[in-house]
Amino acid sequence: ILDVVLDMRQHSKTFGMYVMHELSAENKEQVFIPRGCAHAFVTLSETATFQYKVDNAFSPEEEGGVLFNDPELGIEWPFDINTLKVGEKDLSRPLFKDAYKFD
């Protein structure tokens, strides 16, 4: 799994910045995603199991996001993103400049 976390907290010194981690059964790494950060992941293998641990119940009306390939983000994907199978919901996300930002 290639995991990306984007800081959407306007008053954070890392606002608009991202970190990328490769997660695997071999490296056994985990990622903590603070409130106010967006999260995306890409499966790098034919199969994968992905688990979330969250601090609250899922609330569809509060769900948001950012278009993963927004050039403003400058995410350096290590592969051709045009080859990805991306769901309609993810393709319809707003650009970073138009997305909801956390205080």
PDB file of N, CA and C in Angstrom:
ATOM      1  N   ILE A   1       0.857  -1.173   0.000  1.00  0.00           N
ATOM      2  CA  ILE A   1       0.000   0.000   0.000  1.00  0.00           C
ATOM      3  C   ILE A   1       0.902   1.234   0.000  1.00  0.00           C
ATOM      4  N   LEU A   2       0.582   2.170  -0.861  1.00  0.00           N
ATOM      5  CA  LEU A   2       1.237   3.469  -0.812  1.00  0.00           C
ATOM      6  C   LEU A   2       0.231   4.419  -0.175  1.00  0.00           C
ATOM      7  N   ASP A   3       0.607   4.983   0.954  1.00  0.00           N
ATOM      8  CA  ASP A   3      -0.301   5.764   1.788  1.00  0.00           C
ATOM      9  C   ASP A   3       0.158   7.227   1.794  1.00  0.00           C
ATOM     10  N   VAL A   4      -0.795   8.152   1.566  1.00  0.00           N
ATOM     11  CA  VAL A   4      -0.478   9.578   1.531  1.00  0.00           C
ATOM     12  C   VAL A   4      -1.376  10.313   2.524  1.00  0.00           C
ATOM     13  N   VAL A   5      -0.768  11.175   3.325  1.00  0.00           N
ATOM     14  CA  VAL A   5      -1.495  12.000   4.293  1.00  0.00           C
ATOM     15  C   VAL A   5      -1.213  13.460   3.961  1.00  0.00           C
ATOM     16  N   LEU A   6      -2.282  14.258   3.810  1.00  0.00           N
ATOM     17  CA  LEU A   6      -2.183  15.668   3.443  1.00  0.00           C
ATOM     18  C   LEU A   6      -2.746  16.525   4.568  1.00  0.00           C
ATOM     19  N   ASP A   7      -1.971  17.483   5.032  1.00  0.00           N
ATOM     20  CA  ASP A   7      -2.399  18.359   6.126  1.00  0.00           C
ATOM     21  C   ASP A   7      -3.367  19.418   5.597  1.00  0.00           C
ATOM     22  N   MET A   8      -4.612  19.395   6.094  1.00  0.00           N
ATOM     23  CA  MET A   8      -5.668  20.330   5.692  1.00  0.00           C
ATOM     24  C   MET A   8      -5.976  21.323   6.810  1.00  0.00           C
ATOM     25  N   ARG A   9      -5.100  21.400   7.815  1.00  0.00           N
ATOM     26  CA  ARG A   9      -5.316  22.287   8.968  1.00  0.00           C
ATOM     27  C   ARG A   9      -4.678  23.642   8.672  1.00  0.00           C
ATOM     28  N   GLN A  10      -5.520  24.659   8.457  1.00  0.00           N
ATOM     29  CA  GLN A  10      -5.059  25.984   8.023  1.00  0.00           C
ATOM     30  C   GLN A  10      -3.998  26.608   8.927  1.00  0.00           C
ATOM     31  N   HIS A  11      -4.050  26.357  10.205  1.00  0.00           N
ATOM     32  CA  HIS A  11      -3.127  26.995  11.141  1.00  0.00           C
ATOM     33  C   HIS A  11      -1.921  26.112  11.490  1.00  0.00           C
ATOM     34  N   SER A  12      -1.778  25.027  10.774  1.00  0.00           N
ATOM     35  CA  SER A  12      -0.652  24.124  11.004  1.00  0.00           C
ATOM     36  C   SER A  12       0.564  24.596  10.207  1.00  0.00           C
ATOM     37  N   LYS A  13       1.746  24.427  10.760  1.00  0.00           N
ATOM     38  CA  LYS A  13       2.950  24.812  10.023  1.00  0.00           C
ATOM     39  C   LYS A  13       3.217  23.876   8.846  1.00  0.00           C
ATOM     40  N   THR A  14       2.504  22.748   8.788  1.00  0.00           N
ATOM     41  CA  THR A  14       2.652  21.830   7.656  1.00  0.00           C
ATOM     42  C   THR A  14       1.419  21.843   6.745  1.00  0.00           C
ATOM     43  N   PHE A  15       0.593  22.891   6.861  1.00  0.00           N
ATOM     44  CA  PHE A  15      -0.610  23.021   6.031  1.00  0.00           C
ATOM     45  C   PHE A  15      -0.248  22.894   4.546  1.00  0.00           C
ATOM     46  N   GLY A  16      -1.006  22.046   3.852  1.00  0.00           N
ATOM     47  CA  GLY A  16      -0.795  21.857   2.420  1.00  0.00           C
ATOM     48  C   GLY A  16       0.340  20.922   2.071  1.00  0.00           C
ATOM     49  N   MET A  17       1.034  20.412   3.073  1.00  0.00           N
ATOM     50  CA  MET A  17       2.144  19.493   2.833  1.00  0.00           C
ATOM     51  C   MET A  17       1.654  18.056   3.002  1.00  0.00           C
ATOM     52  N   TYR A  18       2.373  17.135   2.381  1.00  0.00           N
ATOM     53  CA  TYR A  18       1.993  15.728   2.487  1.00  0.00           C
ATOM     54  C   TYR A  18       3.189  14.875   2.890  1.00  0.00           C
ATOM     55  N   VAL A  19       2.871  13.696   3.392  1.00  0.00           N
ATOM     56  CA  VAL A  19       3.872  12.656   3.629  1.00  0.00           C
ATOM     57  C   VAL A  19       3.385  11.395   2.943  1.00  0.00           C
ATOM     58  N   MET A  20       4.316  10.579   2.495  1.00  0.00           N
ATOM     59  CA  MET A  20       3.991   9.339   1.796  1.00  0.00           C
ATOM     60  C   MET A  20       4.730   8.201   2.476  1.00  0.00           C
ATOM     61  N   HIS A  21       4.006   7.111   2.713  1.00  0.00           N
ATOM     62  CA  HIS A  21       4.586   5.927   3.365  1.00  0.00           C
ATOM     63  C   HIS A  21       4.226   4.700   2.549  1.00  0.00           C
ATOM     64  N   GLU A  22       5.138   3.757   2.481  1.00  0.00           N
ATOM     65  CA  GLU A  22       4.795   2.461   1.908  1.00  0.00           C
ATOM     66  C   GLU A  22       4.532   1.516   3.071  1.00  0.00           C
ATOM     67  N   LEU A  23       3.363   0.912   3.055  1.00  0.00           N
ATOM     68  CA  LEU A  23       2.952  -0.023   4.099  1.00  0.00           C
ATOM     69  C   LEU A  23       2.904  -1.421   3.510  1.00  0.00           C
ATOM     70  N   SER A  24       3.381  -2.389   4.265  1.00  0.00           N
ATOM     71  CA  SER A  24       3.367  -3.771   3.772  1.00  0.00           C
ATOM     72  C   SER A  24       3.363  -4.740   4.937  1.00  0.00           C
ATOM     73  N   ALA A  25       3.066  -5.974   4.630  1.00  0.00           N
ATOM     74  CA  ALA A  25       3.122  -7.016   5.647  1.00  0.00           C
ATOM     75  C   ALA A  25       4.570  -7.192   6.116  1.00  0.00           C
ATOM     76  N   GLU A  26       5.508  -6.928   5.219  1.00  0.00           N
ATOM     77  CA  GLU A  26       6.915  -7.101   5.556  1.00  0.00           C
ATOM     78  C   GLU A  26       7.420  -6.016   6.511  1.00  0.00           C
ATOM     79  N   ASN A  27       7.094  -4.755   6.233  1.00  0.00           N
ATOM     80  CA  ASN A  27       7.641  -3.699   7.100  1.00  0.00           C
ATOM     81  C   ASN A  27       6.775  -3.427   8.332  1.00  0.00           C
ATOM     82  N   LYS A  28       5.554  -3.935   8.322  1.00  0.00           N
ATOM     83  CA  LYS A  28       4.647  -3.867   9.479  1.00  0.00           C
ATOM     84  C   LYS A  28       4.451  -2.444  10.025  1.00  0.00           C
ATOM     85  N   GLU A  29       4.614  -1.438   9.160  1.00  0.00           N
ATOM     86  CA  GLU A  29       4.427  -0.061   9.590  1.00  0.00           C
ATOM     87  C   GLU A  29       2.951   0.298   9.655  1.00  0.00           C
ATOM     88  N   GLN A  30       2.652   1.306  10.454  1.00  0.00           N
ATOM     89  CA  GLN A  30       1.315   1.857  10.585  1.00  0.00           C
ATOM     90  C   GLN A  30       1.429   3.366  10.449  1.00  0.00           C
ATOM     91  N   VAL A  31       0.310   4.019  10.145  1.00  0.00           N
ATOM     92  CA  VAL A  31       0.319   5.469  10.004  1.00  0.00           C
ATOM     93  C   VAL A  31      -0.780   6.051  10.878  1.00  0.00           C
ATOM     94  N   PHE A  32      -0.429   7.065  11.654  1.00  0.00           N
ATOM     95  CA  PHE A  32      -1.411   7.820  12.429  1.00  0.00           C
ATOM     96  C   PHE A  32      -1.798   9.038  11.597  1.00  0.00           C
ATOM     97  N   ILE A  33      -3.086   9.237  11.408  1.00  0.00           N
ATOM     98  CA  ILE A  33      -3.574  10.371  10.626  1.00  0.00           C
ATOM     99  C   ILE A  33      -4.337  11.295  11.566  1.00  0.00           C
ATOM    100  N   PRO A  34      -3.770  12.454  11.867  1.00  0.00           N
ATOM    101  CA  PRO A  34      -4.431  13.369  12.801  1.00  0.00           C
ATOM    102  C   PRO A  34      -5.727  13.937  12.226  1.00  0.00           C
ATOM    103  N   ARG A  35      -6.619  14.377  13.118  1.00  0.00           N
ATOM    104  CA  ARG A  35      -7.821  15.091  12.668  1.00  0.00           C
ATOM    105  C   ARG A  35      -7.382  16.274  11.823  1.00  0.00           C
ATOM    106  N   GLY A  36      -8.129  16.508  10.754  1.00  0.00           N
ATOM    107  CA  GLY A  36      -7.823  17.632   9.888  1.00  0.00           C
ATOM    108  C   GLY A  36      -6.868  17.300   8.760  1.00  0.00           C
ATOM    109  N   CYS A  37      -6.508  16.040   8.643  1.00  0.00           N
ATOM    110  CA  CYS A  37      -5.634  15.619   7.550  1.00  0.00           C
ATOM    111  C   CYS A  37      -6.414  14.723   6.593  1.00  0.00           C
ATOM    112  N   ALA A  38      -6.173  14.912   5.309  1.00  0.00           N
ATOM    113  CA  ALA A  38      -6.779  14.056   4.284  1.00  0.00           C
ATOM    114  C   ALA A  38      -5.897  12.825   4.108  1.00  0.00           C
ATOM    115  N   HIS A  39      -6.510  11.769   3.600  1.00  0.00           N
ATOM    116  CA  HIS A  39      -5.815  10.490   3.505  1.00  0.00           C
ATOM    117  C   HIS A  39      -6.171   9.809   2.190  1.00  0.00           C
ATOM    118  N   ALA A  40      -5.172   9.284   1.526  1.00  0.00           N
ATOM    119  CA  ALA A  40      -5.397   8.507   0.300  1.00  0.00           C
ATOM    120  C   ALA A  40      -4.434   7.331   0.295  1.00  0.00           C
ATOM    121  N   PHE A  41      -4.836   6.272  -0.378  1.00  0.00           N
ATOM    122  CA  PHE A  41      -3.897   5.163  -0.529  1.00  0.00           C
ATOM    123  C   PHE A  41      -4.107   4.482  -1.870  1.00  0.00           C
ATOM    124  N   VAL A  42      -3.041   3.843  -2.340  1.00  0.00           N
ATOM    125  CA  VAL A  42      -3.049   3.096  -3.588  1.00  0.00           C
ATOM    126  C   VAL A  42      -2.547   1.698  -3.273  1.00  0.00           C
ATOM    127  N   THR A  43      -3.262   0.711  -3.738  1.00  0.00           N
ATOM    128  CA  THR A  43      -2.827  -0.672  -3.575  1.00  0.00           C
ATOM    129  C   THR A  43      -1.781  -0.981  -4.638  1.00  0.00           C
ATOM    130  N   LEU A  44      -0.633  -1.447  -4.214  1.00  0.00           N
ATOM    131  CA  LEU A  44       0.470  -1.723  -5.125  1.00  0.00           C
ATOM    132  C   LEU A  44       0.551  -3.194  -5.538  1.00  0.00           C
ATOM    133  N   SER A  45      -0.324  -4.016  -4.986  1.00  0.00           N
ATOM    134  CA  SER A  45      -0.302  -5.442  -5.286  1.00  0.00           C
ATOM    135  C   SER A  45      -1.687  -5.870  -5.781  1.00  0.00           C
ATOM    136  N   GLU A  46      -1.773  -7.104  -6.211  1.00  0.00           N
ATOM    137  CA  GLU A  46      -3.056  -7.635  -6.699  1.00  0.00           C
ATOM    138  C   GLU A  46      -4.109  -7.695  -5.596  1.00  0.00           C
ATOM    139  N   THR A  47      -3.685  -7.992  -4.377  1.00  0.00           N
ATOM    140  CA  THR A  47      -4.611  -8.052  -3.250  1.00  0.00           C
ATOM    141  C   THR A  47      -3.990  -7.328  -2.063  1.00  0.00           C
ATOM    142  N   ALA A  48      -4.858  -6.821  -1.221  1.00  0.00           N
ATOM    143  CA  ALA A  48      -4.381  -6.140  -0.017  1.00  0.00           C
ATOM    144  C   ALA A  48      -5.517  -6.105   0.996  1.00  0.00           C
ATOM    145  N   THR A  49      -5.144  -6.110   2.254  1.00  0.00           N
ATOM    146  CA  THR A  49      -6.102  -5.919   3.337  1.00  0.00           C
ATOM    147  C   THR A  49      -5.728  -4.611   4.011  1.00  0.00           C
ATOM    148  N   PHE A  50      -6.717  -3.745   4.149  1.00  0.00           N
ATOM    149  CA  PHE A  50      -6.468  -2.419   4.725  1.00  0.00           C
ATOM    150  C   PHE A  50      -7.409  -2.234   5.894  1.00  0.00           C
ATOM    151  N   GLN A  51      -6.880  -1.854   7.036  1.00  0.00           N
ATOM    152  CA  GLN A  51      -7.700  -1.658   8.227  1.00  0.00           C
ATOM    153  C   GLN A  51      -7.535  -0.244   8.750  1.00  0.00           C
ATOM    154  N   TYR A  52      -8.663   0.328   9.186  1.00  0.00           N
ATOM    155  CA  TYR A  52      -8.667   1.654   9.797  1.00  0.00           C
ATOM    156  C   TYR A  52      -9.030   1.515  11.263  1.00  0.00           C
ATOM    157  N   LYS A  53      -8.488   2.360  12.068  1.00  0.00           N
ATOM    158  CA  LYS A  53      -8.928   2.520  13.447  1.00  0.00           C
ATOM    159  C   LYS A  53      -9.250   3.998  13.583  1.00  0.00           C
ATOM    160  N   VAL A  54     -10.484   4.318  13.923  1.00  0.00           N
ATOM    161  CA  VAL A  54     -10.923   5.710  13.960  1.00  0.00           C
ATOM    162  C   VAL A  54     -11.438   6.068  15.348  1.00  0.00           C
ATOM    163  N   ASP A  55     -11.580   7.377  15.591  1.00  0.00           N
ATOM    164  CA  ASP A  55     -12.003   7.828  16.911  1.00  0.00           C
ATOM    165  C   ASP A  55     -13.495   8.134  17.001  1.00  0.00           C
ATOM    166  N   ASN A  56     -14.231   7.859  15.905  1.00  0.00           N
ATOM    167  CA  ASN A  56     -15.659   8.145  15.910  1.00  0.00           C
ATOM    168  C   ASN A  56     -16.341   7.320  14.825  1.00  0.00           C
ATOM    169  N   ALA A  57     -17.656   7.254  14.861  1.00  0.00           N
ATOM    170  CA  ALA A  57     -18.406   6.535  13.838  1.00  0.00           C
ATOM    171  C   ALA A  57     -18.348   7.296  12.513  1.00  0.00           C
ATOM    172  N   PHE A  58     -18.406   6.566  11.406  1.00  0.00           N
ATOM    173  CA  PHE A  58     -18.385   7.172  10.079  1.00  0.00           C
ATOM    174  C   PHE A  58     -19.615   8.060   9.899  1.00  0.00           C
ATOM    175  N   SER A  59     -19.401   9.245   9.365  1.00  0.00           N
ATOM    176  CA  SER A  59     -20.472  10.208   9.144  1.00  0.00           C
ATOM    177  C   SER A  59     -20.413  10.670   7.685  1.00  0.00           C
ATOM    178  N   PRO A  60     -21.225  10.076   6.800  1.00  0.00           N
ATOM    179  CA  PRO A  60     -21.158  10.411   5.374  1.00  0.00           C
ATOM    180  C   PRO A  60     -21.325  11.897   5.067  1.00  0.00           C
ATOM    181  N   GLU A  61     -22.154  12.590   5.846  1.00  0.00           N
ATOM    182  CA  GLU A  61     -22.377  14.015   5.578  1.00  0.00           C
ATOM    183  C   GLU A  61     -21.142  14.872   5.898  1.00  0.00           C
ATOM    184  N   GLU A  62     -20.203  14.329   6.643  1.00  0.00           N
ATOM    185  CA  GLU A  62     -18.980  15.063   6.964  1.00  0.00           C
ATOM    186  C   GLU A  62     -17.784  14.603   6.131  1.00  0.00           C
ATOM    187  N   GLU A  63     -18.022  13.643   5.262  1.00  0.00           N
ATOM    188  CA  GLU A  63     -16.930  13.134   4.439  1.00  0.00           C
ATOM    189  C   GLU A  63     -16.507  14.191   3.416  1.00  0.00           C
ATOM    190  N   GLY A  64     -15.228  14.319   3.210  1.00  0.00           N
ATOM    191  CA  GLY A  64     -14.704  15.271   2.240  1.00  0.00           C
ATOM    192  C   GLY A  64     -13.485  14.700   1.565  1.00  0.00           C
ATOM    193  N   GLY A  65     -12.773  15.534   0.878  1.00  0.00           N
ATOM    194  CA  GLY A  65     -11.574  15.059   0.227  1.00  0.00           C
ATOM    195  C   GLY A  65     -11.024  16.073  -0.746  1.00  0.00           C
ATOM    196  N   VAL A  66      -9.956  15.680  -1.392  1.00  0.00           N
ATOM    197  CA  VAL A  66      -9.240  16.510  -2.355  1.00  0.00           C
ATOM    198  C   VAL A  66      -8.913  15.627  -3.553  1.00  0.00           C
ATOM    199  N   LEU A  67      -8.928  16.211  -4.724  1.00  0.00           N
ATOM    200  CA  LEU A  67      -8.557  15.473  -5.925  1.00  0.00           C
ATOM    201  C   LEU A  67      -7.100  15.020  -5.820  1.00  0.00           C
ATOM    202  N   PHE A  68      -6.886  13.732  -5.896  1.00  0.00           N
ATOM    203  CA  PHE A  68      -5.564  13.145  -5.626  1.00  0.00           C
ATOM    204  C   PHE A  68      -4.473  13.620  -6.587  1.00  0.00           C
ATOM    205  N   ASN A  69      -4.853  14.014  -7.786  1.00  0.00           N
ATOM    206  CA  ASN A  69      -3.848  14.411  -8.775  1.00  0.00           C
ATOM    207  C   ASN A  69      -3.812  15.925  -9.005  1.00  0.00           C
ATOM    208  N   ASP A  70      -4.282  16.693  -8.035  1.00  0.00           N
ATOM    209  CA  ASP A  70      -4.249  18.154  -8.124  1.00  0.00           C
ATOM    210  C   ASP A  70      -2.792  18.597  -8.217  1.00  0.00           C
ATOM    211  N   PRO A  71      -2.402  19.273  -9.310  1.00  0.00           N
ATOM    212  CA  PRO A  71      -1.004  19.695  -9.463  1.00  0.00           C
ATOM    213  C   PRO A  71      -0.518  20.617  -8.345  1.00  0.00           C
ATOM    214  N   GLU A  72      -1.430  21.378  -7.728  1.00  0.00           N
ATOM    215  CA  GLU A  72      -1.037  22.288  -6.655  1.00  0.00           C
ATOM    216  C   GLU A  72      -0.412  21.536  -5.479  1.00  0.00           C
ATOM    217  N   LEU A  73      -0.828  20.286  -5.271  1.00  0.00           N
ATOM    218  CA  LEU A  73      -0.310  19.501  -4.149  1.00  0.00           C
ATOM    219  C   LEU A  73       1.137  19.061  -4.377  1.00  0.00           C
ATOM    220  N   GLY A  74       1.521  18.895  -5.612  1.00  0.00           N
ATOM    221  CA  GLY A  74       2.889  18.489  -5.921  1.00  0.00           C
ATOM    222  C   GLY A  74       3.224  17.085  -5.452  1.00  0.00           C
ATOM    223  N   ILE A  75       2.222  16.230  -5.361  1.00  0.00           N
ATOM    224  CA  ILE A  75       2.496  14.851  -4.912  1.00  0.00           C
ATOM    225  C   ILE A  75       3.306  14.131  -5.978  1.00  0.00           C
ATOM    226  N   GLU A  76       4.427  13.599  -5.565  1.00  0.00           N
ATOM    227  CA  GLU A  76       5.317  12.890  -6.478  1.00  0.00           C
ATOM    228  C   GLU A  76       5.000  11.394  -6.435  1.00  0.00           C
ATOM    229  N   TRP A  77       3.976  11.024  -7.193  1.00  0.00           N
ATOM    230  CA  TRP A  77       3.590   9.614  -7.266  1.00  0.00           C
ATOM    231  C   TRP A  77       4.707   8.845  -7.968  1.00  0.00           C
ATOM    232  N   PRO A  78       5.112   7.692  -7.447  1.00  0.00           N
ATOM    233  CA  PRO A  78       6.235   6.951  -8.031  1.00  0.00           C
ATOM    234  C   PRO A  78       5.831   6.047  -9.199  1.00  0.00           C
ATOM    235  N   PHE A  79       4.736   6.410  -9.875  1.00  0.00           N
ATOM    236  CA  PHE A  79       4.242   5.636 -11.015  1.00  0.00           C
ATOM    237  C   PHE A  79       3.365   6.554 -11.851  1.00  0.00           C
ATOM    238  N   ASP A  80       2.964   6.087 -13.010  1.00  0.00           N
ATOM    239  CA  ASP A  80       2.097   6.858 -13.895  1.00  0.00           C
ATOM    240  C   ASP A  80       0.674   6.817 -13.346  1.00  0.00           C
ATOM    241  N   ILE A  81       0.185   7.946 -12.833  1.00  0.00           N
ATOM    242  CA  ILE A  81      -1.147   7.961 -12.213  1.00  0.00           C
ATOM    243  C   ILE A  81      -2.266   7.762 -13.235  1.00  0.00           C
ATOM    244  N   ASN A  82      -1.952   7.885 -14.512  1.00  0.00           N
ATOM    245  CA  ASN A  82      -2.967   7.664 -15.545  1.00  0.00           C
ATOM    246  C   ASN A  82      -3.320   6.187 -15.692  1.00  0.00           C
ATOM    247  N   THR A  83      -2.546   5.312 -15.070  1.00  0.00           N
ATOM    248  CA  THR A  83      -2.818   3.877 -15.147  1.00  0.00           C
ATOM    249  C   THR A  83      -3.689   3.388 -13.985  1.00  0.00           C
ATOM    250  N   LEU A  84      -3.991   4.272 -13.039  1.00  0.00           N
ATOM    251  CA  LEU A  84      -4.776   3.883 -11.859  1.00  0.00           C
ATOM    252  C   LEU A  84      -6.247   3.680 -12.184  1.00  0.00           C
ATOM    253  N   LYS A  85      -6.872   2.744 -11.477  1.00  0.00           N
ATOM    254  CA  LYS A  85      -8.327   2.586 -11.515  1.00  0.00           C
ATOM    255  C   LYS A  85      -8.860   3.396 -10.342  1.00  0.00           C
ATOM    256  N   VAL A  86      -9.522   4.501 -10.639  1.00  0.00           N
ATOM    257  CA  VAL A  86      -9.980   5.422  -9.598  1.00  0.00           C
ATOM    258  C   VAL A  86     -11.500   5.490  -9.636  1.00  0.00           C
ATOM    259  N   GLY A  87     -12.128   5.390  -8.471  1.00  0.00           N
ATOM    260  CA  GLY A  87     -13.578   5.440  -8.377  1.00  0.00           C
ATOM    261  C   GLY A  87     -14.134   6.825  -8.685  1.00  0.00           C
ATOM    262  N   GLU A  88     -15.397   6.863  -9.091  1.00  0.00           N
ATOM    263  CA  GLU A  88     -16.061   8.120  -9.438  1.00  0.00           C
ATOM    264  C   GLU A  88     -16.035   9.123  -8.284  1.00  0.00           C
ATOM    265  N   LYS A  89     -16.256   8.631  -7.069  1.00  0.00           N
ATOM    266  CA  LYS A  89     -16.265   9.527  -5.910  1.00  0.00           C
ATOM    267  C   LYS A  89     -14.923  10.242  -5.776  1.00  0.00           C
ATOM    268  N   ASP A  90     -13.830   9.513  -5.940  1.00  0.00           N
ATOM    269  CA  ASP A  90     -12.501  10.120  -5.820  1.00  0.00           C
ATOM    270  C   ASP A  90     -12.192  11.047  -6.990  1.00  0.00           C
ATOM    271  N   LEU A  91     -12.691  10.728  -8.167  1.00  0.00           N
ATOM    272  CA  LEU A  91     -12.468  11.591  -9.327  1.00  0.00           C
ATOM    273  C   LEU A  91     -13.254  12.900  -9.243  1.00  0.00           C
ATOM    274  N   SER A  92     -14.320  12.903  -8.442  1.00  0.00           N
ATOM    275  CA  SER A  92     -15.158  14.102  -8.340  1.00  0.00           C
ATOM    276  C   SER A  92     -14.759  15.013  -7.170  1.00  0.00           C
ATOM    277  N   ARG A  93     -13.697  14.688  -6.472  1.00  0.00           N
ATOM    278  CA  ARG A  93     -13.240  15.513  -5.351  1.00  0.00           C
ATOM    279  C   ARG A  93     -12.793  16.885  -5.853  1.00  0.00           C
ATOM    280  N   PRO A  94     -12.900  17.923  -5.012  1.00  0.00           N
ATOM    281  CA  PRO A  94     -12.474  19.263  -5.430  1.00  0.00           C
ATOM    282  C   PRO A  94     -10.951  19.411  -5.431  1.00  0.00           C
ATOM    283  N   LEU A  95     -10.491  20.438  -6.119  1.00  0.00           N
ATOM    284  CA  LEU A  95      -9.086  20.820  -6.036  1.00  0.00           C
ATOM    285  C   LEU A  95      -8.792  21.301  -4.619  1.00  0.00           C
ATOM    286  N   PHE A  96      -7.530  21.283  -4.230  1.00  0.00           N
ATOM    287  CA  PHE A  96      -7.130  21.707  -2.889  1.00  0.00           C
ATOM    288  C   PHE A  96      -7.629  23.117  -2.575  1.00  0.00           C
ATOM    289  N   LYS A  97      -7.501  24.044  -3.521  1.00  0.00           N
ATOM    290  CA  LYS A  97      -7.900  25.436  -3.284  1.00  0.00           C
ATOM    291  C   LYS A  97      -9.394  25.578  -2.993  1.00  0.00           C
ATOM    292  N   ASP A  98     -10.204  24.616  -3.437  1.00  0.00           N
ATOM    293  CA  ASP A  98     -11.652  24.670  -3.247  1.00  0.00           C
ATOM    294  C   ASP A  98     -12.152  23.740  -2.137  1.00  0.00           C
ATOM    295  N   ALA A  99     -11.278  22.932  -1.588  1.00  0.00           N
ATOM    296  CA  ALA A  99     -11.670  21.939  -0.589  1.00  0.00           C
ATOM    297  C   ALA A  99     -11.845  22.574   0.788  1.00  0.00           C
ATOM    298  N   TYR A 100     -12.612  21.900   1.620  1.00  0.00           N
ATOM    299  CA  TYR A 100     -12.811  22.343   3.002  1.00  0.00           C
ATOM    300  C   TYR A 100     -11.482  22.291   3.737  1.00  0.00           C
ATOM    301  N   LYS A 101     -11.182  23.336   4.484  1.00  0.00           N
ATOM    302  CA  LYS A 101      -9.966  23.381   5.308  1.00  0.00           C
ATOM    303  C   LYS A 101     -10.379  23.428   6.772  1.00  0.00           C
ATOM    304  N   PHE A 102      -9.629  22.764   7.602  1.00  0.00           N
ATOM    305  CA  PHE A 102      -9.901  22.739   9.040  1.00  0.00           C
ATOM    306  C   PHE A 102      -9.243  23.929   9.721  1.00  0.00           C
ATOM    307  N   ASP A 103      -9.881  24.434  10.785  1.00  0.00           N
ATOM    308  CA  ASP A 103      -9.302  25.549  11.557  1.00  0.00           C
ATOM    309  C   ASP A 103      -8.160  25.072  12.424  1.00  0.00           C
TER     310      ASP A 103
END
